[in-house]
Protein backbone atom coordinates (compact mmCIF):
# COMPACT_ATOMS: atom_id res chain seq x y z
CA UNK A 1 276.58 82.60 152.55
CA UNK A 2 278.81 84.09 155.20
CA UNK A 3 282.01 83.21 153.33
CA UNK A 4 283.36 85.29 150.56
CA UNK A 5 284.63 82.23 148.83
CA UNK A 6 282.35 79.61 147.18
CA UNK A 7 282.57 76.03 148.46
CA UNK A 8 285.52 74.11 147.15
CA UNK A 9 283.77 70.78 147.26
CA UNK A 10 282.56 70.05 143.66
CA UNK A 11 280.19 67.39 144.78
CA UNK A 12 278.59 69.70 147.41
CA UNK A 13 278.44 72.58 144.94
CA UNK A 14 276.72 70.29 142.34
CA UNK A 15 274.15 69.08 144.91
CA UNK A 16 273.48 72.71 146.03
CA UNK A 17 273.04 73.77 142.44
CA UNK A 18 270.70 70.90 141.70
CA UNK A 19 268.62 71.70 144.84
CA UNK A 20 268.24 75.42 144.06
CA UNK A 21 267.62 74.73 140.43
CA UNK A 22 264.90 72.23 141.29
CA UNK A 23 263.28 74.83 143.60
CA UNK A 24 263.46 77.34 140.81
CA UNK A 25 261.70 75.03 138.34
CA UNK A 26 259.04 74.23 140.89
CA UNK A 27 258.10 77.81 141.30
CA UNK A 28 258.13 78.38 137.49
CA UNK A 29 255.86 75.37 137.14
CA UNK A 30 253.63 76.41 139.96
CA UNK A 31 253.03 79.89 138.43
CA UNK A 32 252.24 78.30 135.12
CA UNK A 33 249.71 75.88 136.72
CA UNK A 34 247.96 78.92 138.37
CA UNK A 35 247.53 80.35 134.88
CA UNK A 36 246.32 77.03 133.56
CA UNK A 37 243.54 76.95 136.07
CA UNK A 38 242.26 80.19 134.59
CA UNK A 39 242.78 79.05 131.04
CA UNK A 40 240.57 75.95 131.39
CA UNK A 41 237.86 77.30 133.66
CA UNK A 42 235.34 77.40 130.85
CA UNK A 43 234.90 76.20 127.34
CA UNK A 44 235.46 79.48 125.56
CA UNK A 45 238.51 81.18 127.09
CA UNK A 46 241.31 82.81 125.19
CA UNK A 47 244.21 85.13 126.08
CA UNK A 48 243.60 88.68 124.84
CA UNK A 49 246.45 88.89 122.41
CA UNK A 50 246.00 85.31 121.09
CA UNK A 51 242.96 86.59 119.53
CA UNK A 52 245.15 88.42 117.09
CA UNK A 53 248.04 85.98 116.51
CA UNK A 54 246.48 82.49 117.06
CA UNK A 55 242.94 82.76 115.70
CA UNK A 56 243.86 82.44 112.07
CA UNK A 57 246.15 79.43 112.83
CA UNK A 58 243.10 77.32 113.20
CA UNK A 59 243.29 76.96 109.48
CA UNK A 60 246.27 74.63 110.07
CA UNK A 61 243.71 72.21 111.34
CA UNK A 62 240.97 73.03 108.89
CA UNK A 63 242.19 74.99 105.74
CA UNK A 64 238.55 75.78 104.75
CA UNK A 65 238.09 78.11 107.77
CA UNK A 66 237.90 81.87 107.32
CA UNK A 67 238.01 81.97 103.51
CA UNK A 68 238.83 85.32 101.87
CA UNK A 69 239.14 86.90 105.35
CA UNK A 70 240.94 90.21 105.30
CA UNK A 71 241.66 90.16 108.97
CA UNK A 72 243.04 86.60 108.91
CA UNK A 73 245.24 87.39 105.97
CA UNK A 74 246.66 90.58 107.54
CA UNK A 75 247.52 88.91 110.86
CA UNK A 76 249.01 85.94 108.96
CA UNK A 77 251.26 88.58 107.07
CA UNK A 78 252.52 90.16 110.29
CA UNK A 79 253.05 86.90 112.18
CA UNK A 80 256.75 85.94 112.24
CA UNK A 81 257.29 82.76 110.28
CA UNK A 82 259.17 80.92 112.91
CA UNK A 83 256.45 81.49 115.42
CA UNK A 84 253.81 80.28 113.03
CA UNK A 85 255.80 77.22 112.17
CA UNK A 86 255.73 76.09 115.84
CA UNK A 87 251.89 76.04 115.73
CA UNK A 88 251.80 74.48 112.24
CA UNK A 89 254.14 71.68 113.27
CA UNK A 90 252.01 70.96 116.36
CA UNK A 91 248.86 71.02 114.21
CA UNK A 92 250.30 68.26 112.07
CA UNK A 93 250.04 66.10 115.24
CA UNK A 94 246.42 67.23 115.84
CA UNK A 95 247.20 69.78 118.52
CA UNK A 96 244.71 72.65 118.40
CA UNK A 97 246.35 76.08 118.31
CA UNK A 98 244.14 77.50 121.03
CA UNK A 99 245.01 74.61 123.38
CA UNK A 100 248.77 75.01 122.55
CA UNK A 101 248.51 78.78 123.32
CA UNK A 102 247.37 77.96 126.87
CA UNK A 103 250.12 75.44 127.63
CA UNK A 104 253.02 76.92 125.75
CA UNK A 105 253.74 79.60 128.34
CA UNK A 106 254.65 76.92 130.93
CA UNK A 107 257.28 75.45 128.60
CA UNK A 108 258.69 78.88 127.87
CA UNK A 109 258.80 79.81 131.61
CA UNK A 110 260.78 76.62 132.36
CA UNK A 111 263.21 77.20 129.52
CA UNK A 112 263.74 80.84 130.78
CA UNK A 113 264.26 79.48 134.28
CA UNK A 114 266.94 77.08 133.17
CA UNK A 115 268.89 79.65 131.19
CA UNK A 116 268.61 82.41 133.82
CA UNK A 117 269.81 80.06 136.58
CA UNK A 118 272.73 78.89 134.43
CA UNK A 119 273.54 82.40 133.53
CA UNK A 120 273.51 83.61 137.15
CA UNK A 121 275.98 80.84 138.12
CA UNK A 122 278.40 81.92 135.40
CA UNK A 123 278.22 85.50 136.69
CA UNK A 124 278.14 84.84 140.44
CA UNK A 125 279.09 81.38 141.76
CA UNK A 126 276.32 80.88 144.39
CA UNK A 127 273.42 78.67 143.62
CA UNK A 128 271.12 80.41 146.02
CA UNK A 129 271.64 83.59 143.93
CA UNK A 130 270.41 81.71 140.87
CA UNK A 131 267.31 80.74 142.81
CA UNK A 132 266.57 84.30 143.99
CA UNK A 133 267.14 85.80 140.54
CA UNK A 134 265.04 83.26 138.71
CA UNK A 135 262.20 83.59 141.27
CA UNK A 136 262.23 87.31 140.88
CA UNK A 137 262.31 86.93 137.12
CA UNK A 138 259.45 84.44 137.04
CA UNK A 139 257.31 86.55 139.31
CA UNK A 140 258.04 89.56 137.07
CA UNK A 141 257.06 87.56 134.00
CA UNK A 142 253.78 86.47 135.51
CA UNK A 143 252.91 89.92 136.88
CA UNK A 144 252.46 90.90 133.22
CA UNK A 145 250.72 88.89 130.54
CA UNK A 146 253.61 88.87 128.03
CA UNK A 147 254.59 85.29 128.68
CA UNK A 148 251.08 84.10 129.06
CA UNK A 149 250.07 85.55 125.71
CA UNK A 150 251.75 82.74 123.79
CA UNK A 151 252.39 85.32 121.13
CA UNK A 152 255.81 86.17 119.55
CA UNK A 153 256.75 88.47 122.48
CA UNK A 154 256.39 85.54 124.93
CA UNK A 155 259.49 84.06 123.47
CA UNK A 156 261.61 87.18 124.14
CA UNK A 157 262.95 86.20 127.63
CA UNK A 158 264.00 82.56 126.87
CA UNK A 159 265.56 83.49 123.58
CA UNK A 160 267.53 86.40 124.90
CA UNK A 161 268.70 84.49 127.90
CA UNK A 162 269.73 81.63 125.65
CA UNK A 163 271.74 84.07 123.67
CA UNK A 164 273.40 85.65 126.77
CA UNK A 165 274.28 82.15 128.04
CA UNK A 166 275.87 81.20 124.74
CA UNK A 167 277.77 84.45 124.69
CA UNK A 168 279.12 84.05 128.27
CA UNK A 169 280.36 80.62 127.40
CA UNK A 170 281.69 81.80 124.03
CA UNK A 171 279.62 79.19 122.17
CA UNK A 172 279.47 80.62 118.69
CA UNK A 173 277.17 77.96 117.24
CA UNK A 174 274.77 78.66 120.09
CA UNK A 175 274.96 82.42 119.39
CA UNK A 176 274.16 81.88 115.74
CA UNK A 177 271.25 79.48 116.49
CA UNK A 178 269.67 81.91 118.94
CA UNK A 179 270.09 84.84 116.54
CA UNK A 180 268.28 82.97 113.69
CA UNK A 181 265.48 81.90 116.13
CA UNK A 182 265.10 85.44 117.37
CA UNK A 183 264.84 86.77 113.72
CA UNK A 184 262.24 84.01 112.87
CA UNK A 185 260.14 84.37 116.03
CA UNK A 186 260.47 87.95 117.28
CA UNK A 187 262.33 90.18 114.84
CA UNK A 188 262.77 93.26 117.04
CA UNK A 189 264.87 91.16 119.49
CA UNK A 190 267.49 90.47 116.95
CA UNK A 191 268.14 94.20 116.56
CA UNK A 192 269.01 94.33 120.27
CA UNK A 193 271.26 91.34 120.01
CA UNK A 194 273.14 92.52 116.91
CA UNK A 195 273.59 96.01 118.36
CA UNK A 196 274.82 94.43 121.57
CA UNK A 197 277.43 92.36 119.58
CA UNK A 198 278.55 95.48 117.67
CA UNK A 199 278.96 97.38 120.91
CA UNK A 200 281.18 94.54 122.27
CA UNK A 201 283.53 94.98 119.38
CA UNK A 202 284.96 98.00 121.22
CA UNK A 203 287.31 97.20 124.05
CA UNK A 204 286.63 99.80 126.64
CA UNK A 205 289.74 99.02 128.67
CA UNK A 206 292.33 99.14 125.80
CA UNK A 207 290.15 101.53 123.80
CA UNK A 208 290.75 99.44 120.65
CA UNK A 209 288.60 97.50 118.26
CA UNK A 210 288.48 93.80 118.75
CA UNK A 211 289.47 92.84 115.20
CA UNK A 212 289.45 89.14 116.06
CA UNK A 213 285.62 89.37 116.70
CA UNK A 214 284.83 91.52 113.66
CA UNK A 215 284.48 88.54 111.23
CA UNK A 216 282.19 86.61 113.56
CA UNK A 217 279.93 89.63 114.15
CA UNK A 218 279.74 90.04 110.34
CA UNK A 219 278.59 86.43 110.08
CA UNK A 220 276.01 87.02 112.84
CA UNK A 221 274.66 90.05 110.89
CA UNK A 222 274.54 88.01 107.62
CA UNK A 223 272.66 85.13 109.18
CA UNK A 224 270.18 87.40 110.91
CA UNK A 225 269.54 89.38 107.73
CA UNK A 226 268.82 86.15 105.74
CA UNK A 227 266.51 84.95 108.58
CA UNK A 228 264.62 88.23 108.50
CA UNK A 229 263.82 88.11 104.78
CA UNK A 230 260.72 85.98 104.97
CA UNK A 231 259.14 88.25 107.62
CA UNK A 232 260.19 91.40 105.68
CA UNK A 233 258.40 90.14 102.63
CA UNK A 234 255.30 88.94 104.30
CA UNK A 235 254.78 92.04 106.45
CA UNK A 236 255.06 94.24 103.34
CA UNK A 237 251.84 92.72 101.94
CA UNK A 238 249.74 95.52 103.49
CA UNK A 239 252.31 98.28 103.14
CA UNK A 240 252.90 101.15 103.64
CA UNK A 241 253.51 101.52 107.41
CA UNK A 242 252.21 104.83 108.74
CA UNK A 243 254.81 107.60 108.99
CA UNK A 244 255.48 109.71 112.05
CA UNK A 245 253.68 112.65 110.60
CA UNK A 246 250.63 110.55 109.82
CA UNK A 247 250.67 108.92 113.26
CA UNK A 248 250.60 112.40 114.97
CA UNK A 249 247.31 113.16 113.19
CA UNK A 250 245.53 109.82 113.95
CA UNK A 251 243.08 109.83 116.89
CA UNK A 252 243.42 106.12 117.04
CA UNK A 253 246.87 106.60 118.63
CA UNK A 254 245.79 108.93 121.41
CA UNK A 255 243.93 108.13 124.74
CA UNK A 256 240.60 106.70 123.93
CA UNK A 257 241.71 105.41 120.52
CA UNK A 258 242.19 101.78 119.56
CA UNK A 259 245.97 101.79 120.24
CA UNK A 260 246.87 104.83 122.36
CA UNK A 261 250.58 105.75 121.99
CA UNK A 262 250.79 109.51 122.19
CA UNK A 263 249.85 111.47 125.39
CA UNK A 264 249.56 115.22 125.77
CA UNK A 265 251.16 115.00 129.14
CA UNK A 266 254.85 114.73 128.48
CA UNK A 267 255.68 113.24 131.81
CA UNK A 268 253.26 110.39 131.17
CA UNK A 269 254.46 109.94 127.62
CA UNK A 270 258.24 109.86 128.29
CA UNK A 271 258.29 108.12 131.68
CA UNK A 272 255.27 105.79 132.08
CA UNK A 273 253.57 105.43 128.69
CA UNK A 274 252.81 101.78 127.95
CA UNK A 275 254.36 101.93 124.54
CA UNK A 276 256.47 105.15 124.89
CA UNK A 277 257.72 105.41 128.50
CA UNK A 278 261.30 104.70 129.49
CA UNK A 279 260.33 103.35 132.96
CA UNK A 280 258.92 99.77 132.65
CA UNK A 281 256.20 98.87 135.17
CA UNK A 282 258.20 95.97 136.60
CA UNK A 283 257.12 93.90 139.56
CA UNK A 284 257.81 92.55 142.19
CA UNK A 285 259.29 95.45 144.07
CA UNK A 286 262.38 93.46 144.96
CA UNK A 287 263.42 93.58 141.26
CA UNK A 288 264.36 97.17 141.73
CA UNK A 289 267.10 96.19 144.17
CA UNK A 290 269.10 95.44 141.08
CA UNK A 291 269.74 99.16 140.82
CA UNK A 292 271.90 98.91 143.93
CA UNK A 293 274.38 96.48 142.45
CA UNK A 294 276.78 99.07 140.79
CA UNK A 295 276.86 100.86 144.19
CA UNK A 296 277.75 97.77 146.10
CA UNK A 297 280.45 96.85 143.67
CA UNK A 298 282.21 100.18 144.37
CA UNK A 299 282.74 99.13 148.06
CA UNK A 300 284.25 95.70 148.08
CA UNK A 301 285.66 96.17 151.53
CA UNK A 302 282.22 96.74 152.99
CA UNK A 303 280.55 94.15 150.76
CA UNK A 304 283.21 91.33 150.45
CA UNK A 305 281.04 89.02 148.43
CA UNK A 306 281.13 91.31 145.46
CA UNK A 307 284.66 90.17 144.82
CA UNK A 308 283.20 86.92 143.66
CA UNK A 309 281.31 88.59 140.77
CA UNK A 310 282.72 87.53 137.40
CA UNK A 311 284.03 90.30 135.13
CA UNK A 312 281.60 89.14 132.56
CA UNK A 313 278.96 90.97 134.59
CA UNK A 314 279.69 93.79 132.20
CA UNK A 315 277.24 92.34 129.84
CA UNK A 316 274.40 93.72 132.08
CA UNK A 317 275.18 97.40 131.68
CA UNK A 318 276.03 96.86 128.05
CA UNK A 319 272.44 95.44 127.54
CA UNK A 320 271.08 98.61 129.20
CA UNK A 321 273.05 100.95 126.99
CA UNK A 322 272.04 99.09 123.79
CA UNK A 323 268.36 99.02 124.91
CA UNK A 324 268.38 102.74 125.57
CA UNK A 325 270.04 103.50 122.23
CA UNK A 326 267.30 101.45 120.31
CA UNK A 327 264.59 103.05 122.58
CA UNK A 328 265.78 106.50 121.22
CA UNK A 329 266.04 105.19 117.61
CA UNK A 330 262.52 103.74 117.82
CA UNK A 331 261.23 107.10 118.88
CA UNK A 332 263.00 108.86 116.07
CA UNK A 333 261.84 106.34 113.47
CA UNK A 334 258.39 105.88 114.93
CA UNK A 335 256.84 102.57 114.01
CA UNK A 336 259.62 101.69 111.61
CA UNK A 337 261.25 99.87 114.52
CA UNK A 338 257.97 99.00 116.36
CA UNK A 339 257.27 100.67 119.70
CA UNK A 340 260.11 102.03 121.72
CA UNK A 341 259.28 100.02 124.85
CA UNK A 342 259.91 96.79 122.92
CA UNK A 343 263.55 97.54 123.36
CA UNK A 344 263.55 98.21 127.10
CA UNK A 345 260.77 96.49 129.06
CA UNK A 346 262.06 92.93 128.48
CA UNK A 347 265.76 93.50 128.53
CA UNK A 348 265.54 95.70 131.69
CA UNK A 349 263.49 92.83 133.35
CA UNK A 350 266.19 90.39 132.74
CA UNK A 351 269.06 92.62 133.74
CA UNK A 352 267.30 93.79 136.89
CA UNK A 353 266.26 90.40 138.05
CA UNK A 354 269.84 88.97 137.76
CA UNK A 355 271.19 92.05 139.45
CA UNK A 356 268.60 91.95 142.13
CA UNK A 357 269.52 88.31 142.90
CA UNK A 358 273.16 89.28 143.35
CA UNK A 359 272.33 92.37 145.33
CA UNK A 360 270.14 90.52 147.75
CA UNK A 361 272.70 87.85 148.24
CA UNK A 362 275.43 90.41 148.90
CA UNK A 363 273.30 92.30 151.35
CA UNK A 364 272.32 89.13 153.26
CA UNK A 365 275.86 87.99 153.39
CA UNK A 366 277.00 91.38 154.81
CA UNK A 367 274.23 91.43 157.33
CA UNK A 368 275.00 87.84 158.48
CA UNK A 369 278.63 88.82 158.90
CA UNK A 370 277.54 91.57 161.22
CA UNK A 371 275.53 89.12 163.17
CA UNK A 372 278.50 86.85 163.53
CA UNK A 373 280.55 89.71 165.05
CA UNK A 374 277.65 90.44 167.38
CA UNK A 375 277.46 86.79 168.37
CA UNK A 376 280.75 87.13 170.20
CA UNK A 377 279.05 89.35 172.73
CA UNK A 378 275.30 88.70 172.35
CA UNK A 379 274.80 85.11 171.14
CA UNK A 380 271.00 84.98 171.29
CA UNK A 381 270.50 88.41 169.94
CA UNK A 382 272.61 87.44 166.91
CA UNK A 383 270.77 84.22 166.44
CA UNK A 384 267.47 86.11 166.48
CA UNK A 385 268.70 88.58 163.91
CA UNK A 386 269.87 85.83 161.64
CA UNK A 387 266.55 84.05 161.87
CA UNK A 388 264.67 87.24 161.37
CA UNK A 389 266.65 88.23 158.33
CA UNK A 390 266.34 84.78 156.60
CA UNK A 391 262.61 84.76 157.37
CA UNK A 392 262.00 88.30 156.02
CA UNK A 393 263.88 87.57 152.80
CA UNK A 394 261.98 84.31 152.36
CA UNK A 395 258.53 85.66 153.05
CA UNK A 396 258.89 88.68 150.74
CA UNK A 397 260.49 86.52 147.95
CA UNK A 398 258.10 83.63 148.10
CA UNK A 399 254.79 85.04 149.37
CA UNK A 400 254.59 88.58 147.97
CA UNK A 401 252.71 87.43 144.71
CA UNK A 402 250.18 85.47 146.95
CA UNK A 403 249.16 88.82 148.48
CA UNK A 404 249.02 90.64 145.09
CA UNK A 405 245.63 90.91 143.48
CA UNK A 406 245.38 89.41 140.05
CA UNK A 407 248.64 87.31 140.18
CA UNK A 408 249.34 85.69 137.81
CA UNK A 409 248.19 88.27 135.25
CA UNK A 410 246.73 86.24 132.45
CA UNK A 411 244.33 88.65 130.61
CA UNK A 412 242.09 85.77 129.57
CA UNK A 413 238.78 86.56 127.92
CA UNK A 414 235.65 84.47 128.36
CA UNK A 415 233.20 84.36 125.44
CA UNK A 416 229.52 84.00 124.90
CA UNK A 417 229.07 80.27 124.34
CA UNK A 418 225.44 80.12 122.91
CA UNK A 419 226.37 82.67 120.19
CA UNK A 420 229.37 80.81 119.08
CA UNK A 421 227.54 77.41 119.07
CA UNK A 422 224.90 78.90 116.70
CA UNK A 423 227.41 80.49 114.42
CA UNK A 424 229.42 77.22 114.23
CA UNK A 425 226.36 75.68 112.42
CA UNK A 426 226.57 78.23 109.72
CA UNK A 427 228.52 77.97 106.47
CA UNK A 428 232.25 78.56 106.85
CA UNK A 429 232.15 81.57 104.54
CA UNK A 430 229.69 83.36 106.80
CA UNK A 431 230.55 87.09 107.47
CA UNK A 432 229.17 88.89 110.50
CA UNK A 433 228.99 92.67 110.92
CA UNK A 434 228.71 94.25 114.41
CA UNK A 435 229.91 97.14 116.45
CA UNK A 436 229.87 95.04 119.61
CA UNK A 437 233.12 94.01 121.37
CA UNK A 438 231.94 90.47 120.83
CA UNK A 439 233.39 90.71 117.38
CA UNK A 440 236.79 90.36 119.07
CA UNK A 441 236.01 86.71 119.92
CA UNK A 442 233.84 85.43 117.07
CA UNK A 443 236.75 84.48 114.73
CA UNK A 444 238.41 82.65 117.48
CA UNK A 445 235.57 80.77 119.09
CA UNK A 446 232.96 80.53 116.24
CA UNK A 447 235.60 80.23 113.61
CA UNK A 448 233.53 82.55 111.32
CA UNK A 449 234.63 85.84 109.78
CA UNK A 450 233.82 89.33 111.13
CA UNK A 451 233.77 92.45 108.93
CA UNK A 452 235.95 94.13 111.54
CA UNK A 453 236.47 94.25 115.43
CA UNK A 454 238.13 96.54 117.88
CA UNK A 455 240.79 93.99 118.70
CA UNK A 456 241.84 93.52 115.01
CA UNK A 457 241.60 97.24 113.99
CA UNK A 458 245.38 97.94 114.18
CA UNK A 459 246.12 101.26 112.43
CA UNK A 460 249.76 100.61 111.48
CA UNK A 461 249.71 99.23 107.92
CA UNK A 462 247.68 101.47 105.69
CA UNK A 463 247.03 98.89 103.07
CA UNK A 464 245.03 97.08 105.78
CA UNK A 465 243.74 99.83 107.94
CA UNK A 466 242.20 101.88 105.19
CA UNK A 467 239.95 98.95 104.33
CA UNK A 468 239.08 98.34 108.02
CA UNK A 469 238.37 102.07 108.72
CA UNK A 470 236.03 102.29 105.76
CA UNK A 471 234.20 99.11 107.00
CA UNK A 472 233.70 100.60 110.43
CA UNK A 473 232.42 103.88 109.07
CA UNK A 474 230.01 102.09 106.72
CA UNK A 475 228.54 99.95 109.55
CA UNK A 476 228.38 102.88 111.98
CA UNK A 477 226.46 104.93 109.50
CA UNK A 478 224.16 102.11 108.55
CA UNK A 479 223.35 100.87 112.08
CA UNK A 480 222.22 104.36 113.19
CA UNK A 481 220.56 105.54 110.09
CA UNK A 482 216.75 105.91 110.02
CA UNK A 483 216.93 104.72 106.38
CA UNK A 484 217.61 101.01 105.58
CA UNK A 485 219.38 101.99 102.35
CA UNK A 486 222.82 102.37 103.97
CA UNK A 487 222.48 98.97 105.64
CA UNK A 488 221.38 97.29 102.37
CA UNK A 489 224.34 98.92 100.54
CA UNK A 490 226.81 97.67 103.16
CA UNK A 491 225.33 94.19 103.07
CA UNK A 492 225.63 94.04 99.25
CA UNK A 493 229.08 95.53 99.15
CA UNK A 494 230.65 93.22 101.73
CA UNK A 495 228.44 90.16 101.33
CA UNK A 496 227.35 90.27 105.02
CA UNK A 497 225.34 87.22 106.27
CA UNK A 498 224.44 88.39 109.79
CA UNK A 499 224.26 91.61 111.64
CA UNK A 500 224.84 91.31 115.33
CA UNK A 501 223.39 93.92 117.66
CA UNK A 502 223.60 94.37 121.38
CA UNK A 503 220.28 94.91 123.18
CA UNK A 504 221.55 98.36 124.44
CA UNK A 505 223.04 99.34 121.10
CA UNK A 506 220.41 101.98 120.35
CA UNK A 507 220.94 104.13 123.39
CA UNK A 508 223.34 107.18 123.60
CA UNK A 509 225.11 105.54 126.60
CA UNK A 510 226.20 102.63 124.36
CA UNK A 511 228.10 104.83 121.87
CA UNK A 512 229.47 106.95 124.72
CA UNK A 513 230.99 103.80 126.34
CA UNK A 514 232.42 102.58 122.91
CA UNK A 515 235.06 105.48 123.05
CA UNK A 516 237.26 103.74 120.52
CA UNK A 517 234.57 104.58 117.84
CA UNK A 518 235.13 108.35 118.42
CA UNK A 519 238.07 108.06 116.01
CA UNK A 520 235.62 107.57 113.15
CA UNK A 521 234.35 111.06 112.47
CA UNK A 522 231.95 112.42 111.49
CA UNK A 523 230.01 109.17 111.41
CA UNK A 524 230.34 108.71 115.18
CA UNK A 525 229.14 112.23 116.06
CA UNK A 526 226.24 112.05 113.65
CA UNK A 527 225.17 108.65 115.04
CA UNK A 528 225.34 109.92 118.64
CA UNK A 529 223.46 113.09 117.90
CA UNK A 530 220.70 111.10 116.14
CA UNK A 531 220.25 108.98 119.25
CA UNK A 532 220.24 111.96 121.55
CA UNK A 533 217.60 113.66 119.38
CA UNK A 534 215.44 110.54 119.68
CA UNK A 535 215.59 109.51 116.06
CA UNK A 536 214.84 105.85 115.57
CA UNK A 537 217.41 103.72 113.69
CA UNK A 538 215.85 101.54 111.02
CA UNK A 539 217.69 98.41 112.19
CA UNK A 540 216.12 98.76 115.66
CA UNK A 541 212.73 97.92 114.23
CA UNK A 542 213.62 94.71 112.42
CA UNK A 543 213.01 92.26 115.15
CA UNK A 544 211.24 90.07 112.68
CA UNK A 545 214.66 89.46 111.04
CA UNK A 546 216.03 87.94 114.24
CA UNK A 547 217.41 84.45 113.85
CA UNK A 548 219.05 84.16 117.32
CA UNK A 549 218.53 86.11 120.53
CA UNK A 550 220.16 86.12 123.87
CA UNK A 551 219.67 88.54 126.87
CA UNK A 552 222.68 90.45 125.44
CA UNK A 553 222.40 90.13 121.67
CA UNK A 554 220.10 89.95 118.67
CA UNK A 555 221.37 88.37 115.42
CA UNK A 556 219.69 89.64 112.27
CA UNK A 557 219.62 87.75 109.05
CA UNK A 558 220.65 90.16 106.31
CA UNK A 559 218.62 88.41 103.73
CA UNK A 560 215.64 89.52 105.65
CA UNK A 561 216.98 93.05 105.90
CA UNK A 562 217.63 93.26 102.20
CA UNK A 563 214.06 92.21 101.26
CA UNK A 564 212.46 94.27 103.95
CA UNK A 565 210.44 97.32 102.79
CA UNK A 566 208.26 99.66 104.84
CA UNK A 567 204.52 99.34 104.41
């Protein structure tokens, strides 16, 4: 590392690259195995977001599941077709979608590692840099649950790295293939890629348009547009998408709501908001060393190794500019281009990880050079400094995640096994109504439909959300009414088979904790006031209608409720 020139021995270079690539893959596999241990620790475990995108795909195994299910149909409509096709093809071989969602992240992590390592070698010809960059990238991926979700966004990093690698090598076929895959699996990513290609049409040095690239970019746009058509058609099933003016009035999009986006604190909203902020919450801390690379490159005499950086490194700042441009456009065209952070968080992670790998290599090389000059006068001091530097970098790089609580971040949810086992014995067209968060899991684990759930109450497509919102209000009013009439009307209207109630559901504290229900006014306030005034909900007195009970839940048979009359 102390030489400003890479080794000239091809065999030795190849061996070094193979060694560092092997270590990179080992760490990628190790982090994936850590996640797998959490995934299979119980019978009913699922990743949080897989409850949205994967639950309905169980119909690939059994087409009779979830019949006439509004929620399943909605999430099927907004699931990119290429992503669904992966699960469908595997289902043809008998692979259960939930099982696949747990193991797929390992494969995606290994693919991302291969491409990031190869890309680093193209930009900076030192294999150790590829190891450092991929290690930081893998740690960053597993500090968040994006990769582990096995949802469309888990494909972002490998697909974008594959595109960048094809671009650096000028492999036009590879570029077209990755563009089509992006459009089919994660449509927002193709917007970044196309904008990036358009930006590169301008030659910043000669200040002229690259006319020789214009035709190919046009072909890329055409292929991408064609690949986007199936998703555009399917996602329009529950149109329209809410407008900016509508979003500003929806409590669901503020803190405490189902999907908080807005924040009355402008600093939080613009800087750190999960879906709105410009600063992504990237870990590990070493990834932020990537910000120093432009500074180091300005002083090649002090940091000689920067002279080995390939001129194609310009792709990194270009990605940043494109991402920032689309971030601004997404704010202006709110929800028409999805959330703004979709265009920054993932691309920033890739750019900063690669830049951090190069930066740490350059800084280590410069420090070791200083030690060499010191060795002329103080040999043992220089040796100690070298060992200390290598040890410090190695410890921070490798062991930081081990001291970080919650690494890897998997966001797995464990369900209530007895309840699912009972529901699985019921007819497949069974519909359950409940205000409990357990509704989030029932469709996934019991494979039976729910009237609504917090997890599935996304407020973005009004053709869907208006129906869901009305369902929530109807159940909220019925569950806390002292008159059974409202419950009977809801049962008849939606053909509800069971009504699931938590044992603490008829206390004011229960509704106070369920802050997401505050968005459904005035039903929420009326229900809370009734409980605070000591009024007794009619459903709380129907223990005789119970068909299944656990310490947490009571499941009521709606046929009993319908025929119940007060003496």
